[in-house]
Amino acid sequence: MMVSAYVLLGCISLLTLFPFWYEIAASFSSSRAITSGEVFLWPVEFNTVAYERLLDDGQLIMAMGNTILVTVIGTALNVIMTIMAAYPLSRKRLVGRNGLLAFITITMLFVAGLIPNFILIKSLGLMNSYWSIWLPGLISTYNMFVMKTFMEGLPEEIEESASIDGAGDWRILLQIYMPLCKPILAALSLFYAVGWWNSYFNVLLYITESTKLTVMVKLYQMVSRVDDNLLNNIGGNDALEQILLTPEALKAAAVVIVVTPILCVYPFLQKHFVKGVLIGSVKG
């Protein structure tokens, strides 16, 4: 029974990996092989023209740097704000706690809308600034409640003993609670980081300078322009390159470049991530 379960899970895992594996194979394949449908599990007529053109252009590298900046700072801000909101709300001694929780819950059900948000960002003078992206997504209410539930599950005796020894709230939070919250922090940090890495809609709305665009917007532009002008904009007038390079290979290479960083980060957080998700699911 266990063997069949492992075999079934292994087959499902392979099926989920197949789309990404196909993108890798297509990114290293020639135009003829892609258009004729010969690419399946392995590259056909192996070449690296798509990656060379993406890297030679320089715009994708710049966009990747912008995305890393947005992701790192955005995730840090998210985690800080989530902790600062979750800790006091997890304390039953907080005055007006129930009212604040009810008010915060309302934000999960009702949103201002696209146009009011755009007018607000523009009136604050945040256009073409990454703060126009960070501020609207400064905290996730759902993630804050997950963190709050986790903190409520910690033994109250820890806080009481620290208070008797003269520790204040800041010391209790930073030196006692934070080390105990590593699993849930890892899980929420990964959620936030993936969200920032994949975000593009707010960038399309608020960022107009090409030097500040993120990698997802660049990828979106490539996908939306699949005609011959795409190849001319990226470069490569050599006849051999025109034969080897197609918009499909170019998009596949871009997908591989975009997804790879997240795949490299995940193994380092997997242990804490799985534990944090299980804790949140059991106690939440």
Protein backbone atom coordinates (compact mmCIF):
# COMPACT_ATOMS: atom_id res chain seq x y z
CA MET A 1 0.00 0.00 0.00
CA MET A 2 2.79 2.42 0.92
CA VAL A 3 4.71 1.56 -2.26
CA SER A 4 1.72 2.32 -4.46
CA ALA A 5 1.18 5.62 -2.64
CA TYR A 6 4.80 6.63 -3.23
CA VAL A 7 4.55 5.64 -6.89
CA LEU A 8 1.36 7.67 -7.30
CA LEU A 9 2.88 10.72 -5.59
CA GLY A 10 6.02 10.35 -7.70
CA CYS A 11 3.98 10.30 -10.92
CA ILE A 12 2.04 13.39 -9.84
CA SER A 13 5.31 15.16 -9.02
CA LEU A 14 6.70 14.35 -12.45
CA LEU A 15 3.54 15.69 -14.08
CA THR A 16 3.86 18.97 -12.19
CA LEU A 17 7.53 19.26 -13.20
CA PHE A 18 6.93 18.51 -16.86
CA PRO A 19 5.82 22.07 -17.96
CA PHE A 20 8.95 23.62 -16.50
CA TRP A 21 11.16 20.88 -17.92
CA TYR A 22 9.60 21.44 -21.33
CA GLU A 23 10.38 25.16 -21.11
CA ILE A 24 14.01 24.30 -20.38
CA ALA A 25 14.17 21.97 -23.37
CA ALA A 26 12.49 24.51 -25.66
CA SER A 27 14.81 27.31 -24.56
CA PHE A 28 17.80 25.30 -25.81
CA SER A 29 16.15 24.09 -29.04
CA SER A 30 16.20 25.47 -32.56
CA SER A 31 13.38 27.24 -34.36
CA ARG A 32 12.77 24.33 -36.70
CA ALA A 33 12.48 21.82 -33.87
CA ILE A 34 10.06 23.98 -31.88
CA THR A 35 7.78 24.86 -34.79
CA SER A 36 7.71 21.25 -36.00
CA GLY A 37 6.81 19.97 -32.52
CA GLU A 38 9.87 17.77 -32.10
CA VAL A 39 10.76 19.13 -28.64
CA PHE A 40 9.50 17.00 -25.78
CA LEU A 41 11.87 16.02 -22.96
CA TRP A 42 15.25 16.97 -24.39
CA PRO A 43 16.52 19.90 -26.48
CA VAL A 44 16.65 19.33 -30.22
CA GLU A 45 19.52 20.92 -32.15
CA PHE A 46 20.98 22.31 -28.93
CA ASN A 47 21.89 26.03 -28.89
CA THR A 48 22.08 28.91 -26.42
CA VAL A 49 21.08 31.74 -28.76
CA ALA A 50 17.97 32.68 -26.75
CA TYR A 51 19.96 33.14 -23.54
CA GLU A 52 22.71 35.02 -25.36
CA ARG A 53 20.24 37.48 -26.84
CA LEU A 54 18.50 38.05 -23.49
CA LEU A 55 21.80 38.65 -21.71
CA ASP A 56 23.32 40.75 -24.51
CA ASP A 57 20.35 43.09 -24.52
CA GLY A 58 20.98 44.03 -20.88
CA GLN A 59 17.39 45.06 -20.15
CA LEU A 60 16.45 41.74 -18.59
CA ILE A 61 19.48 41.86 -16.30
CA MET A 62 18.51 45.37 -15.22
CA ALA A 63 14.94 44.23 -14.67
CA MET A 64 16.21 41.28 -12.64
CA GLY A 65 18.14 43.66 -10.39
CA ASN A 66 15.02 45.80 -9.96
CA THR A 67 13.00 42.71 -9.07
CA ILE A 68 15.55 41.60 -6.48
CA LEU A 69 15.45 45.07 -4.91
CA VAL A 70 11.65 45.10 -4.84
CA THR A 71 11.50 41.56 -3.44
CA VAL A 72 14.11 41.97 -0.71
CA ILE A 73 12.91 45.32 0.61
CA GLY A 74 9.24 44.46 0.12
CA THR A 75 9.59 41.16 1.98
CA ALA A 76 11.50 42.84 4.82
CA LEU A 77 8.80 45.50 5.17
CA ASN A 78 6.07 42.86 5.06
CA VAL A 79 7.66 40.75 7.78
CA ILE A 80 8.34 43.74 10.03
CA MET A 81 4.80 45.08 9.71
CA THR A 82 3.26 41.63 10.13
CA ILE A 83 5.20 41.06 13.37
CA MET A 84 4.40 44.52 14.72
CA ALA A 85 0.70 43.98 14.09
CA ALA A 86 0.47 40.34 15.15
CA TYR A 87 2.29 40.61 18.49
CA PRO A 88 0.09 43.23 20.19
CA LEU A 89 -3.08 41.69 18.74
CA SER A 90 -2.08 38.32 20.18
CA ARG A 91 -1.96 39.81 23.71
CA LYS A 92 -5.30 39.60 25.49
CA ARG A 93 -4.33 42.55 27.67
CA LEU A 94 -4.42 44.91 24.67
CA VAL A 95 -7.10 47.56 25.20
CA GLY A 96 -9.69 47.52 22.41
CA ARG A 97 -8.33 44.27 20.99
CA ASN A 98 -11.67 42.88 19.82
CA GLY A 99 -12.60 46.11 18.08
CA LEU A 100 -9.27 46.28 16.27
CA LEU A 101 -9.61 42.66 15.15
CA ALA A 102 -13.10 43.34 13.79
CA PHE A 103 -11.88 46.45 11.97
CA ILE A 104 -8.95 44.57 10.44
CA THR A 105 -11.18 41.68 9.39
CA ILE A 106 -13.34 44.09 7.38
CA THR A 107 -10.32 44.88 5.17
CA MET A 108 -10.35 41.25 4.03
CA LEU A 109 -13.90 41.61 2.73
CA PHE A 110 -13.93 45.10 1.23
CA VAL A 111 -11.31 46.93 -0.85
CA ALA A 112 -11.21 50.49 -2.12
CA GLY A 113 -10.88 49.53 -5.78
CA LEU A 114 -8.43 50.20 -8.58
CA ILE A 115 -9.32 53.82 -9.41
CA PRO A 116 -9.31 55.16 -5.81
CA ASN A 117 -5.96 53.45 -5.20
CA PHE A 118 -4.50 54.97 -8.37
CA ILE A 119 -5.75 58.45 -7.42
CA LEU A 120 -4.31 58.03 -3.92
CA ILE A 121 -0.88 56.95 -5.18
CA LYS A 122 -0.79 59.80 -7.69
CA SER A 123 -1.89 62.42 -5.17
CA LEU A 124 0.85 61.27 -2.78
CA GLY A 125 3.45 61.82 -5.51
CA LEU A 126 4.57 58.20 -5.51
CA MET A 127 4.36 57.58 -9.25
CA ASN A 128 7.54 56.02 -10.68
CA SER A 129 8.61 55.15 -7.15
CA TYR A 130 8.83 51.67 -5.70
CA TRP A 131 6.94 52.97 -2.68
CA SER A 132 3.87 52.97 -4.94
CA ILE A 133 4.29 49.18 -5.01
CA TRP A 134 5.38 48.58 -1.43
CA LEU A 135 2.84 50.72 0.43
CA PRO A 136 -0.38 49.16 -0.99
CA GLY A 137 0.95 45.69 -0.18
CA LEU A 138 2.69 46.56 3.07
CA ILE A 139 0.90 43.82 5.01
CA SER A 140 -1.30 40.82 4.28
CA THR A 141 -4.22 40.56 6.67
CA TYR A 142 -4.40 36.81 6.25
CA ASN A 143 -0.69 36.34 6.98
CA MET A 144 -0.98 38.64 9.97
CA PHE A 145 -3.75 36.46 11.41
CA VAL A 146 -1.61 33.36 10.83
CA MET A 147 1.26 34.97 12.74
CA LYS A 148 -1.11 36.12 15.48
CA THR A 149 -2.54 32.62 15.86
CA PHE A 150 0.96 31.17 16.10
CA MET A 151 1.96 33.64 18.81
CA GLU A 152 -1.22 32.91 20.75
CA GLY A 153 -0.25 29.24 20.76
CA LEU A 154 3.03 29.90 22.57
CA PRO A 155 2.97 29.23 26.34
CA GLU A 156 1.91 32.29 28.32
CA GLU A 157 4.32 31.31 31.07
CA ILE A 158 7.22 32.41 28.87
CA GLU A 159 5.98 35.98 28.76
CA GLU A 160 5.06 35.96 32.44
CA SER A 161 8.50 34.76 33.54
CA ALA A 162 10.20 37.32 31.30
CA SER A 163 8.00 40.09 32.70
CA ILE A 164 8.87 39.08 36.26
CA ASP A 165 12.56 39.39 35.34
CA GLY A 166 11.91 42.95 34.18
CA ALA A 167 11.73 42.43 30.40
CA GLY A 168 9.52 44.79 28.44
CA ASP A 169 7.43 44.07 25.39
CA TRP A 170 10.19 44.91 22.91
CA ARG A 171 12.68 42.60 24.63
CA ILE A 172 10.11 39.82 24.92
CA LEU A 173 9.28 40.15 21.24
CA LEU A 174 12.83 40.37 19.87
CA GLN A 175 14.70 38.00 22.20
CA ILE A 176 12.06 35.44 23.13
CA TYR A 177 9.24 35.33 20.61
CA MET A 178 11.24 35.84 17.42
CA PRO A 179 13.49 32.79 17.90
CA LEU A 180 10.37 30.70 18.58
CA CYS A 181 8.65 32.08 15.48
CA LYS A 182 11.35 31.06 12.98
CA PRO A 183 9.22 28.37 11.27
CA ILE A 184 6.23 30.62 10.65
CA LEU A 185 8.50 33.53 9.72
CA ALA A 186 10.20 31.37 7.09
CA ALA A 187 6.85 30.32 5.64
CA LEU A 188 5.43 33.84 5.54
CA SER A 189 8.68 35.27 4.17
CA LEU A 190 8.56 32.81 1.30
CA PHE A 191 4.91 33.67 0.61
CA TYR A 192 5.72 37.37 0.58
CA ALA A 193 8.87 36.92 -1.52
CA VAL A 194 7.12 34.86 -4.18
CA GLY A 195 4.33 37.42 -4.31
CA TRP A 196 6.77 40.30 -4.85
CA TRP A 197 8.80 38.32 -7.37
CA ASN A 198 5.71 37.53 -9.45
CA SER A 199 4.01 40.93 -9.10
CA TYR A 200 3.56 42.95 -12.27
CA PHE A 201 0.15 44.65 -12.28
CA ASN A 202 1.06 47.45 -9.87
CA VAL A 203 4.31 47.95 -11.74
CA LEU A 204 2.33 48.39 -14.97
CA LEU A 205 0.10 50.94 -13.25
CA TYR A 206 2.59 53.05 -11.33
CA ILE A 207 6.01 52.60 -12.99
CA THR A 208 6.51 54.15 -16.43
CA GLU A 209 10.29 54.54 -16.52
CA SER A 210 11.80 51.62 -18.42
CA THR A 211 14.84 51.54 -16.14
CA LYS A 212 12.65 50.78 -13.12
CA LEU A 213 10.53 48.00 -14.60
CA THR A 214 10.69 44.55 -13.00
CA VAL A 215 11.50 41.32 -14.74
CA MET A 216 7.86 40.18 -14.85
CA VAL A 217 6.88 43.27 -16.82
CA LYS A 218 9.70 42.63 -19.26
CA LEU A 219 8.50 39.07 -19.63
CA TYR A 220 4.95 40.30 -20.15
CA GLN A 221 6.14 42.62 -22.90
CA MET A 222 7.94 39.76 -24.61
CA VAL A 223 4.87 37.54 -24.45
CA SER A 224 2.62 40.28 -25.83
CA ARG A 225 4.92 40.96 -28.78
CA VAL A 226 5.40 37.70 -30.61
CA ASP A 227 5.88 39.13 -34.08
CA ASP A 228 9.13 39.63 -35.93
CA ASN A 229 9.70 43.03 -34.33
CA LEU A 230 10.47 41.27 -31.05
CA LEU A 231 13.54 39.67 -32.54
CA ASN A 232 14.66 42.92 -34.13
CA ASN A 233 14.32 44.82 -30.83
CA ILE A 234 16.39 42.27 -28.96
CA GLY A 235 19.07 42.04 -31.59
CA GLY A 236 20.76 39.43 -33.72
CA ASN A 237 20.84 40.08 -37.46
CA ASP A 238 22.87 37.00 -38.19
CA ALA A 239 21.00 34.59 -40.44
CA LEU A 240 21.95 31.58 -38.34
CA GLU A 241 20.62 33.23 -35.19
CA GLN A 242 17.35 34.10 -36.93
CA ILE A 243 16.95 30.43 -37.80
CA LEU A 244 17.78 29.20 -34.30
CA LEU A 245 15.85 31.87 -32.38
CA THR A 246 12.06 32.19 -32.23
CA PRO A 247 9.73 34.10 -29.90
CA GLU A 248 8.79 30.76 -28.32
CA ALA A 249 12.42 29.94 -27.50
CA LEU A 250 12.93 33.46 -26.25
CA LYS A 251 9.92 33.26 -23.93
CA ALA A 252 10.99 29.83 -22.70
CA ALA A 253 14.45 31.16 -21.84
CA ALA A 254 12.89 34.11 -20.03
CA VAL A 255 10.65 31.79 -18.02
CA VAL A 256 13.64 29.68 -16.99
CA ILE A 257 15.60 32.77 -15.93
CA VAL A 258 12.66 34.11 -13.89
CA VAL A 259 11.74 30.88 -12.10
CA THR A 260 15.27 29.65 -11.32
CA PRO A 261 16.04 32.11 -8.45
CA ILE A 262 12.94 31.06 -6.50
CA LEU A 263 13.79 27.40 -7.04
CA CYS A 264 17.27 28.05 -5.66
CA VAL A 265 15.97 29.81 -2.55
CA TYR A 266 13.24 27.32 -1.65
CA PRO A 267 15.49 24.37 -0.54
CA PHE A 268 17.11 26.55 2.14
CA LEU A 269 13.68 27.41 3.60
CA GLN A 270 11.96 24.06 3.00
CA LYS A 271 12.46 22.69 6.53
CA HIS A 272 11.06 25.77 8.28
CA PHE A 273 8.50 26.32 5.52
CA VAL A 274 6.86 22.90 5.89
CA LYS A 275 6.85 23.16 9.69
CA GLY A 276 5.39 26.66 9.61
CA VAL A 277 2.62 25.71 7.18
CA LEU A 278 1.67 22.67 9.29
CA ILE A 279 1.59 24.73 12.49
CA GLY A 280 -0.52 27.41 10.84
CA SER A 281 -2.94 24.83 9.43
CA VAL A 282 -3.37 23.00 12.74
CA LYS A 283 -3.70 26.03 15.00
CA GLY A 284 -5.33 28.39 12.49
